[in-house]
PDB file of N, CA and C in Angstrom:
ATOM      1  N   UNK A   1     362.402 230.614 234.910  1.00  0.00           N
ATOM      2  CA  UNK A   1     362.715 231.174 233.982  1.00  0.00           C
ATOM      3  C   UNK A   1     364.086 230.577 233.073  1.00  0.00           C
ATOM      4  N   UNK A   2     363.951 230.487 232.433  1.00  0.00           N
ATOM      5  CA  UNK A   2     365.672 229.900 232.188  1.00  0.00           C
ATOM      6  C   UNK A   2     366.435 230.755 232.296  1.00  0.00           C
ATOM      7  N   UNK A   3     367.490 230.945 232.870  1.00  0.00           N
ATOM      8  CA  UNK A   3     368.786 232.143 232.572  1.00  0.00           C
ATOM      9  C   UNK A   3     370.130 231.663 231.338  1.00  0.00           C
ATOM     10  N   UNK A   4     371.033 232.164 231.068  1.00  0.00           N
ATOM     11  CA  UNK A   4     372.584 232.456 229.779  1.00  0.00           C
ATOM     12  C   UNK A   4     373.102 232.725 230.353  1.00  0.00           C
ATOM     13  N   UNK A   5     374.337 231.370 230.740  1.00  0.00           N
ATOM     14  CA  UNK A   5     375.761 232.711 230.874  1.00  0.00           C
ATOM     15  C   UNK A   5     376.224 232.565 229.823  1.00  0.00           C
ATOM     16  N   UNK A   6     376.971 233.252 229.606  1.00  0.00           N
ATOM     17  CA  UNK A   6     378.030 233.953 228.309  1.00  0.00           C
ATOM     18  C   UNK A   6     378.678 234.026 229.126  1.00  0.00           C
ATOM     19  N   UNK A   7     380.214 233.544 228.177  1.00  0.00           N
ATOM     20  CA  UNK A   7     381.232 233.875 229.044  1.00  0.00           C
ATOM     21  C   UNK A   7     382.222 234.269 227.049  1.00  0.00           C
ATOM     22  N   UNK A   8     383.019 235.391 226.580  1.00  0.00           N
ATOM     23  CA  UNK A   8     384.055 235.500 225.500  1.00  0.00           C
ATOM     24  C   UNK A   8     385.361 235.213 226.979  1.00  0.00           C
ATOM     25  N   UNK A   9     386.154 234.710 226.275  1.00  0.00           N
ATOM     26  CA  UNK A   9     387.872 233.713 226.446  1.00  0.00           C
ATOM     27  C   UNK A   9     388.226 234.613 225.656  1.00  0.00           C
ATOM     28  N   UNK A  10     389.875 234.909 226.353  1.00  0.00           N
ATOM     29  CA  UNK A  10     390.825 235.700 225.778  1.00  0.00           C
ATOM     30  C   UNK A  10     392.177 234.516 226.647  1.00  0.00           C
ATOM     31  N   UNK A  11     392.779 233.897 225.142  1.00  0.00           N
ATOM     32  CA  UNK A  11     393.967 232.700 225.525  1.00  0.00           C
ATOM     33  C   UNK A  11     395.045 233.130 225.360  1.00  0.00           C
ATOM     34  N   UNK A  12     395.760 233.517 226.129  1.00  0.00           N
ATOM     35  CA  UNK A  12     397.119 234.619 226.415  1.00  0.00           C
ATOM     36  C   UNK A  12     398.614 232.722 225.715  1.00  0.00           C
ATOM     37  N   UNK A  13     398.353 233.760 224.914  1.00  0.00           N
ATOM     38  CA  UNK A  13     399.544 231.926 224.060  1.00  0.00           C
ATOM     39  C   UNK A  13     400.397 232.216 225.150  1.00  0.00           C
ATOM     40  N   UNK A  14     401.036 232.532 225.644  1.00  0.00           N
ATOM     41  CA  UNK A  14     403.064 232.532 225.985  1.00  0.00           C
ATOM     42  C   UNK A  14     402.379 232.089 227.325  1.00  0.00           C
ATOM     43  N   UNK A  15     400.879 231.860 227.937  1.00  0.00           N
ATOM     44  CA  UNK A  15     400.949 230.751 229.054  1.00  0.00           C
ATOM     45  C   UNK A  15     400.550 229.704 228.960  1.00  0.00           C
ATOM     46  N   UNK A  16     400.102 229.326 227.911  1.00  0.00           N
ATOM     47  CA  UNK A  16     399.982 228.303 227.031  1.00  0.00           C
ATOM     48  C   UNK A  16     398.583 227.426 227.449  1.00  0.00           C
ATOM     49  N   UNK A  17     397.542 226.938 227.011  1.00  0.00           N
ATOM     50  CA  UNK A  17     396.436 225.991 227.206  1.00  0.00           C
ATOM     51  C   UNK A  17     396.623 225.206 227.958  1.00  0.00           C
ATOM     52  N   UNK A  18     397.277 224.200 228.393  1.00  0.00           N
ATOM     53  CA  UNK A  18     397.211 222.985 229.268  1.00  0.00           C
ATOM     54  C   UNK A  18     396.451 223.401 230.573  1.00  0.00           C
ATOM     55  N   UNK A  19     396.645 223.971 231.112  1.00  0.00           N
ATOM     56  CA  UNK A  19     395.325 225.098 232.585  1.00  0.00           C
ATOM     57  C   UNK A  19     394.508 224.789 232.140  1.00  0.00           C
ATOM     58  N   UNK A  20     394.280 225.517 231.101  1.00  0.00           N
ATOM     59  CA  UNK A  20     393.118 225.727 230.882  1.00  0.00           C
ATOM     60  C   UNK A  20     391.393 224.910 230.687  1.00  0.00           C
ATOM     61  N   UNK A  21     392.727 224.027 229.370  1.00  0.00           N
ATOM     62  CA  UNK A  21     392.082 222.394 228.670  1.00  0.00           C
ATOM     63  C   UNK A  21     391.510 221.682 229.623  1.00  0.00           C
ATOM     64  N   UNK A  22     392.540 222.082 231.341  1.00  0.00           N
ATOM     65  CA  UNK A  22     392.271 221.237 232.482  1.00  0.00           C
ATOM     66  C   UNK A  22     390.937 221.440 232.968  1.00  0.00           C
ATOM     67  N   UNK A  23     390.287 222.649 233.261  1.00  0.00           N
ATOM     68  CA  UNK A  23     389.319 223.195 233.373  1.00  0.00           C
ATOM     69  C   UNK A  23     388.635 222.345 233.022  1.00  0.00           C
ATOM     70  N   UNK A  24     388.560 223.319 231.496  1.00  0.00           N
ATOM     71  CA  UNK A  24     386.767 223.015 230.554  1.00  0.00           C
ATOM     72  C   UNK A  24     387.423 221.276 230.960  1.00  0.00           C
ATOM     73  N   UNK A  25     387.884 220.473 230.851  1.00  0.00           N
ATOM     74  CA  UNK A  25     387.242 218.805 231.267  1.00  0.00           C
ATOM     75  C   UNK A  25     386.918 218.838 232.885  1.00  0.00           C
ATOM     76  N   UNK A  26     386.990 219.349 233.295  1.00  0.00           N
ATOM     77  CA  UNK A  26     386.854 219.148 235.389  1.00  0.00           C
ATOM     78  C   UNK A  26     385.415 220.478 235.203  1.00  0.00           C
ATOM     79  N   UNK A  27     385.084 220.986 234.254  1.00  0.00           N
ATOM     80  CA  UNK A  27     383.873 221.761 234.681  1.00  0.00           C
ATOM     81  C   UNK A  27     382.069 221.732 234.235  1.00  0.00           C
ATOM     82  N   UNK A  28     382.862 220.857 233.251  1.00  0.00           N
ATOM     83  CA  UNK A  28     381.905 220.785 232.147  1.00  0.00           C
ATOM     84  C   UNK A  28     380.334 219.681 233.130  1.00  0.00           C
ATOM     85  N   UNK A  29     381.047 218.388 233.582  1.00  0.00           N
ATOM     86  CA  UNK A  29     380.187 217.507 234.463  1.00  0.00           C
ATOM     87  C   UNK A  29     379.326 218.731 236.158  1.00  0.00           C
ATOM     88  N   UNK A  30     380.178 219.774 236.391  1.00  0.00           N
ATOM     89  CA  UNK A  30     379.948 220.488 237.159  1.00  0.00           C
ATOM     90  C   UNK A  30     378.417 221.035 236.650  1.00  0.00           C
ATOM     91  N   UNK A  31     378.459 222.108 235.930  1.00  0.00           N
ATOM     92  CA  UNK A  31     377.740 222.883 235.283  1.00  0.00           C
ATOM     93  C   UNK A  31     376.836 222.157 234.749  1.00  0.00           C
ATOM     94  N   UNK A  32     377.301 221.346 234.801  1.00  0.00           N
ATOM     95  CA  UNK A  32     375.424 220.020 234.079  1.00  0.00           C
ATOM     96  C   UNK A  32     375.333 219.569 235.015  1.00  0.00           C
ATOM     97  N   UNK A  33     375.742 218.995 236.094  1.00  0.00           N
ATOM     98  CA  UNK A  33     374.864 219.332 236.929  1.00  0.00           C
ATOM     99  C   UNK A  33     374.008 219.601 237.761  1.00  0.00           C
ATOM    100  N   UNK A  34     373.972 220.523 237.854  1.00  0.00           N
ATOM    101  CA  UNK A  34     373.284 221.526 238.014  1.00  0.00           C
ATOM    102  C   UNK A  34     372.392 222.115 237.072  1.00  0.00           C
ATOM    103  N   UNK A  35     372.350 220.684 235.928  1.00  0.00           N
ATOM    104  CA  UNK A  35     371.271 222.026 234.979  1.00  0.00           C
ATOM    105  C   UNK A  35     371.540 222.746 233.971  1.00  0.00           C
ATOM    106  N   UNK A  36     373.120 222.966 234.287  1.00  0.00           N
ATOM    107  CA  UNK A  36     373.813 223.750 233.146  1.00  0.00           C
ATOM    108  C   UNK A  36     373.586 222.869 231.858  1.00  0.00           C
ATOM    109  N   UNK A  37     373.466 223.765 230.619  1.00  0.00           N
ATOM    110  CA  UNK A  37     373.119 222.700 229.426  1.00  0.00           C
ATOM    111  C   UNK A  37     373.941 223.198 228.272  1.00  0.00           C
ATOM    112  N   UNK A  38     375.425 223.334 227.612  1.00  0.00           N
ATOM    113  CA  UNK A  38     375.970 223.966 226.665  1.00  0.00           C
ATOM    114  C   UNK A  38     375.497 223.855 225.437  1.00  0.00           C
ATOM    115  N   UNK A  39     374.978 225.344 224.791  1.00  0.00           N
ATOM    116  CA  UNK A  39     374.174 225.337 223.964  1.00  0.00           C
ATOM    117  C   UNK A  39     375.633 225.863 223.143  1.00  0.00           C
ATOM    118  N   UNK A  40     376.760 226.365 223.233  1.00  0.00           N
ATOM    119  CA  UNK A  40     377.507 226.957 222.414  1.00  0.00           C
ATOM    120  C   UNK A  40     379.421 226.838 223.010  1.00  0.00           C
ATOM    121  N   UNK A  41     380.785 226.063 222.697  1.00  0.00           N
ATOM    122  CA  UNK A  41     381.222 226.019 222.935  1.00  0.00           C
ATOM    123  C   UNK A  41     382.506 226.248 221.501  1.00  0.00           C
ATOM    124  N   UNK A  42     383.370 227.169 221.766  1.00  0.00           N
ATOM    125  CA  UNK A  42     383.286 226.609 220.230  1.00  0.00           C
ATOM    126  C   UNK A  42     384.529 227.254 219.941  1.00  0.00           C
ATOM    127  N   UNK A  43     385.658 227.318 219.079  1.00  0.00           N
ATOM    128  CA  UNK A  43     386.331 228.571 218.972  1.00  0.00           C
ATOM    129  C   UNK A  43     386.636 228.853 217.229  1.00  0.00           C
ATOM    130  N   UNK A  44     385.910 228.894 216.504  1.00  0.00           N
ATOM    131  CA  UNK A  44     384.513 229.511 215.388  1.00  0.00           C
ATOM    132  C   UNK A  44     384.229 230.477 215.326  1.00  0.00           C
ATOM    133  N   UNK A  45     384.931 231.450 215.730  1.00  0.00           N
ATOM    134  CA  UNK A  45     384.295 232.721 215.553  1.00  0.00           C
ATOM    135  C   UNK A  45     384.598 234.077 214.730  1.00  0.00           C
ATOM    136  N   UNK A  46     383.939 235.007 214.177  1.00  0.00           N
ATOM    137  CA  UNK A  46     383.896 235.830 213.625  1.00  0.00           C
ATOM    138  C   UNK A  46     383.284 236.901 213.981  1.00  0.00           C
ATOM    139  N   UNK A  47     384.355 237.356 214.797  1.00  0.00           N
ATOM    140  CA  UNK A  47     383.953 239.068 215.463  1.00  0.00           C
ATOM    141  C   UNK A  47     383.924 239.996 214.152  1.00  0.00           C
ATOM    142  N   UNK A  48     383.137 240.447 214.791  1.00  0.00           N
ATOM    143  CA  UNK A  48     381.735 242.134 214.186  1.00  0.00           C
ATOM    144  C   UNK A  48     382.447 243.307 214.573  1.00  0.00           C
ATOM    145  N   UNK A  49     383.040 243.655 215.763  1.00  0.00           N
ATOM    146  CA  UNK A  49     383.773 244.826 216.375  1.00  0.00           C
ATOM    147  C   UNK A  49     385.699 244.553 216.942  1.00  0.00           C
ATOM    148  N   UNK A  50     386.653 244.965 216.426  1.00  0.00           N
ATOM    149  CA  UNK A  50     387.872 245.034 216.695  1.00  0.00           C
ATOM    150  C   UNK A  50     388.039 244.556 218.347  1.00  0.00           C
ATOM    151  N   UNK A  51     387.385 245.357 219.134  1.00  0.00           N
ATOM    152  CA  UNK A  51     387.739 244.923 220.509  1.00  0.00           C
ATOM    153  C   UNK A  51     387.350 244.040 221.111  1.00  0.00           C
ATOM    154  N   UNK A  52     386.740 243.202 220.363  1.00  0.00           N
ATOM    155  CA  UNK A  52     385.247 242.223 220.630  1.00  0.00           C
ATOM    156  C   UNK A  52     386.019 241.138 220.024  1.00  0.00           C
ATOM    157  N   UNK A  53     387.256 240.365 220.535  1.00  0.00           N
ATOM    158  CA  UNK A  53     388.160 239.142 219.165  1.00  0.00           C
ATOM    159  C   UNK A  53     388.180 237.721 220.114  1.00  0.00           C
ATOM    160  N   UNK A  54     387.468 237.342 221.231  1.00  0.00           N
ATOM    161  CA  UNK A  54     387.866 236.226 221.858  1.00  0.00           C
ATOM    162  C   UNK A  54     388.386 235.183 220.692  1.00  0.00           C
ATOM    163  N   UNK A  55     389.195 234.191 221.319  1.00  0.00           N
ATOM    164  CA  UNK A  55     389.351 232.873 221.169  1.00  0.00           C
ATOM    165  C   UNK A  55     388.661 231.807 221.061  1.00  0.00           C
ATOM    166  N   UNK A  56     387.652 231.554 222.118  1.00  0.00           N
ATOM    167  CA  UNK A  56     386.159 230.940 222.342  1.00  0.00           C
ATOM    168  C   UNK A  56     385.325 231.032 222.914  1.00  0.00           C
ATOM    169  N   UNK A  57     384.475 231.093 222.785  1.00  0.00           N
ATOM    170  CA  UNK A  57     382.625 231.604 223.477  1.00  0.00           C
ATOM    171  C   UNK A  57     382.538 230.577 223.540  1.00  0.00           C
ATOM    172  N   UNK A  58     381.013 230.006 224.808  1.00  0.00           N
ATOM    173  CA  UNK A  58     380.381 229.237 226.303  1.00  0.00           C
ATOM    174  C   UNK A  58     379.162 230.119 225.590  1.00  0.00           C
ATOM    175  N   UNK A  59     378.099 229.971 225.512  1.00  0.00           N
ATOM    176  CA  UNK A  59     377.235 229.662 226.091  1.00  0.00           C
ATOM    177  C   UNK A  59     376.121 228.180 226.584  1.00  0.00           C
ATOM    178  N   UNK A  60     375.897 228.770 228.200  1.00  0.00           N
ATOM    179  CA  UNK A  60     375.336 227.828 228.760  1.00  0.00           C
ATOM    180  C   UNK A  60     373.674 228.435 229.207  1.00  0.00           C
ATOM    181  N   UNK A  61     372.904 227.323 229.357  1.00  0.00           N
ATOM    182  CA  UNK A  61     370.930 227.452 229.792  1.00  0.00           C
ATOM    183  C   UNK A  61     371.281 226.914 230.897  1.00  0.00           C
ATOM    184  N   UNK A  62     370.795 228.227 231.535  1.00  0.00           N
ATOM    185  CA  UNK A  62     370.531 227.265 233.123  1.00  0.00           C
ATOM    186  C   UNK A  62     368.900 226.946 233.215  1.00  0.00           C
ATOM    187  N   UNK A  63     368.260 225.999 234.275  1.00  0.00           N
ATOM    188  CA  UNK A  63     366.991 226.247 233.985  1.00  0.00           C
ATOM    189  C   UNK A  63     366.525 227.634 234.943  1.00  0.00           C
ATOM    190  N   UNK A  64     367.324 228.400 236.482  1.00  0.00           N
ATOM    191  CA  UNK A  64     366.868 229.834 236.504  1.00  0.00           C
ATOM    192  C   UNK A  64     368.424 229.935 236.798  1.00  0.00           C
ATOM    193  N   UNK A  65     368.342 231.753 237.370  1.00  0.00           N
ATOM    194  CA  UNK A  65     369.271 232.260 237.650  1.00  0.00           C
ATOM    195  C   UNK A  65     369.744 230.899 239.630  1.00  0.00           C
ATOM    196  N   UNK A  66     368.853 230.904 240.135  1.00  0.00           N
ATOM    197  CA  UNK A  66     369.150 230.136 241.726  1.00  0.00           C
ATOM    198  C   UNK A  66     370.454 229.155 241.096  1.00  0.00           C
ATOM    199  N   UNK A  67     370.471 228.606 240.091  1.00  0.00           N
ATOM    200  CA  UNK A  67     370.876 227.318 239.758  1.00  0.00           C
ATOM    201  C   UNK A  67     372.417 227.624 239.028  1.00  0.00           C
ATOM    202  N   UNK A  68     371.901 228.465 238.448  1.00  0.00           N
ATOM    203  CA  UNK A  68     373.280 229.230 238.016  1.00  0.00           C
ATOM    204  C   UNK A  68     374.209 229.647 239.885  1.00  0.00           C
ATOM    205  N   UNK A  69     373.341 230.119 239.456  1.00  0.00           N
ATOM    206  CA  UNK A  69     374.042 230.761 241.252  1.00  0.00           C
ATOM    207  C   UNK A  69     374.972 229.515 242.264  1.00  0.00           C
ATOM    208  N   UNK A  70     374.100 228.768 242.257  1.00  0.00           N
ATOM    209  CA  UNK A  70     374.662 227.566 243.493  1.00  0.00           C
ATOM    210  C   UNK A  70     375.637 227.081 242.174  1.00  0.00           C
ATOM    211  N   UNK A  71     375.993 226.978 240.955  1.00  0.00           N
ATOM    212  CA  UNK A  71     377.139 226.067 240.043  1.00  0.00           C
ATOM    213  C   UNK A  71     378.116 226.891 240.297  1.00  0.00           C
ATOM    214  N   UNK A  72     377.824 228.541 240.125  1.00  0.00           N
ATOM    215  CA  UNK A  72     379.573 228.789 240.325  1.00  0.00           C
ATOM    216  C   UNK A  72     380.115 229.172 241.690  1.00  0.00           C
ATOM    217  N   UNK A  73     378.661 229.185 242.797  1.00  0.00           N
ATOM    218  CA  UNK A  73     379.315 229.167 243.999  1.00  0.00           C
ATOM    219  C   UNK A  73     379.868 227.834 244.533  1.00  0.00           C
ATOM    220  N   UNK A  74     379.460 226.255 244.264  1.00  0.00           N
ATOM    221  CA  UNK A  74     379.559 225.476 244.404  1.00  0.00           C
ATOM    222  C   UNK A  74     381.134 224.613 245.336  1.00  0.00           C
ATOM    223  N   UNK A  75     380.808 223.507 245.910  1.00  0.00           N
ATOM    224  CA  UNK A  75     382.341 223.085 246.148  1.00  0.00           C
ATOM    225  C   UNK A  75     383.729 223.200 245.518  1.00  0.00           C
ATOM    226  N   UNK A  76     382.872 222.765 244.537  1.00  0.00           N
ATOM    227  CA  UNK A  76     383.421 221.276 243.110  1.00  0.00           C
ATOM    228  C   UNK A  76     383.365 223.037 242.855  1.00  0.00           C
ATOM    229  N   UNK A  77     382.884 223.685 242.089  1.00  0.00           N
ATOM    230  CA  UNK A  77     383.570 224.994 241.198  1.00  0.00           C
ATOM    231  C   UNK A  77     384.871 225.531 242.207  1.00  0.00           C
ATOM    232  N   UNK A  78     384.479 226.279 243.359  1.00  0.00           N
ATOM    233  CA  UNK A  78     385.598 226.578 243.654  1.00  0.00           C
ATOM    234  C   UNK A  78     386.443 226.192 243.571  1.00  0.00           C
ATOM    235  N   UNK A  79     386.877 224.703 243.718  1.00  0.00           N
ATOM    236  CA  UNK A  79     388.611 223.911 243.898  1.00  0.00           C
ATOM    237  C   UNK A  79     389.186 223.922 242.412  1.00  0.00           C
ATOM    238  N   UNK A  80     388.523 224.330 241.522  1.00  0.00           N
ATOM    239  CA  UNK A  80     389.184 224.374 239.897  1.00  0.00           C
ATOM    240  C   UNK A  80     388.767 225.499 239.421  1.00  0.00           C
ATOM    241  N   UNK A  81     388.509 226.755 239.788  1.00  0.00           N
ATOM    242  CA  UNK A  81     387.705 227.909 239.216  1.00  0.00           C
ATOM    243  C   UNK A  81     389.504 229.063 239.485  1.00  0.00           C
ATOM    244  N   UNK A  82     390.211 228.257 239.945  1.00  0.00           N
ATOM    245  CA  UNK A  82     391.675 229.119 239.676  1.00  0.00           C
ATOM    246  C   UNK A  82     392.617 229.339 238.632  1.00  0.00           C
ATOM    247  N   UNK A  83     392.095 228.083 238.297  1.00  0.00           N
ATOM    248  CA  UNK A  83     392.585 227.311 237.045  1.00  0.00           C
ATOM    249  C   UNK A  83     392.186 228.114 236.255  1.00  0.00           C
ATOM    250  N   UNK A  84     391.068 228.744 235.692  1.00  0.00           N
ATOM    251  CA  UNK A  84     390.499 229.693 234.818  1.00  0.00           C
ATOM    252  C   UNK A  84     390.988 230.776 234.640  1.00  0.00           C
ATOM    253  N   UNK A  85     391.509 231.314 235.817  1.00  0.00           N
ATOM    254  CA  UNK A  85     391.450 232.952 236.752  1.00  0.00           C
ATOM    255  C   UNK A  85     392.958 233.103 236.291  1.00  0.00           C
ATOM    256  N   UNK A  86     393.627 231.763 236.141  1.00  0.00           N
ATOM    257  CA  UNK A  86     394.940 231.716 236.169  1.00  0.00           C
ATOM    258  C   UNK A  86     395.643 232.046 235.362  1.00  0.00           C
ATOM    259  N   UNK A  87     394.523 231.052 234.226  1.00  0.00           N
ATOM    260  CA  UNK A  87     395.063 230.663 232.652  1.00  0.00           C
ATOM    261  C   UNK A  87     394.310 231.911 231.270  1.00  0.00           C
ATOM    262  N   UNK A  88     393.380 232.431 231.537  1.00  0.00           N
ATOM    263  CA  UNK A  88     392.686 232.928 230.160  1.00  0.00           C
ATOM    264  C   UNK A  88     392.143 234.434 230.908  1.00  0.00           C
ATOM    265  N   UNK A  89     391.614 235.269 229.971  1.00  0.00           N
ATOM    266  CA  UNK A  89     390.811 236.147 230.230  1.00  0.00           C
ATOM    267  C   UNK A  89     390.027 235.893 230.148  1.00  0.00           C
ATOM    268  N   UNK A  90     388.538 235.627 231.148  1.00  0.00           N
ATOM    269  CA  UNK A  90     387.487 235.492 230.447  1.00  0.00           C
ATOM    270  C   UNK A  90     386.206 236.481 231.024  1.00  0.00           C
ATOM    271  N   UNK A  91     385.420 236.796 230.396  1.00  0.00           N
ATOM    272  CA  UNK A  91     384.655 238.200 230.125  1.00  0.00           C
ATOM    273  C   UNK A  91     382.769 237.312 230.197  1.00  0.00           C
ATOM    274  N   UNK A  92     382.942 237.435 231.632  1.00  0.00           N
ATOM    275  CA  UNK A  92     381.279 236.873 231.525  1.00  0.00           C
ATOM    276  C   UNK A  92     380.066 237.839 231.516  1.00  0.00           C
ATOM    277  N   UNK A  93     378.911 237.705 231.513  1.00  0.00           N
ATOM    278  CA  UNK A  93     377.437 238.509 230.910  1.00  0.00           C
ATOM    279  C   UNK A  93     376.240 236.771 231.568  1.00  0.00           C
ATOM    280  N   UNK A  94     375.504 237.388 232.244  1.00  0.00           N
ATOM    281  CA  UNK A  94     374.558 236.580 232.623  1.00  0.00           C
ATOM    282  C   UNK A  94     372.730 237.284 232.013  1.00  0.00           C
ATOM    283  N   UNK A  95     371.878 236.826 231.359  1.00  0.00           N
ATOM    284  CA  UNK A  95     371.274 237.192 230.520  1.00  0.00           C
ATOM    285  C   UNK A  95     369.860 236.622 230.772  1.00  0.00           C
TER     286      UNK A  95
END
C-alpha cells in the first residue's frame, strides 16, 4: 500500500537558503532511489489558517511505509540530514 510523506517547511530568512537549497538538490535522487515520487514541491502556497503558513510544501508518495522508512534511515540520507535540520523548521507527517 502506498504511503505519503507530507512536509511543511518554514524558512528562516536570517539563516538564508544556501544550505537548504543544497539539501534539496541532494535529497531528490536519494528519495527516488527508494521509489519515492514527488507529487508536489512548491513555494506557491495559499494558507487557510494563520498558524499554518509554510514557505514550502512537499508531498512524496512511496510504494510502501517500509520504502519510506528505509529511505530516511539510509546512510545516504543520514549524511545530508543535518543540512535540513540546521537550516529550516520542517514539520512532517506520514499518511
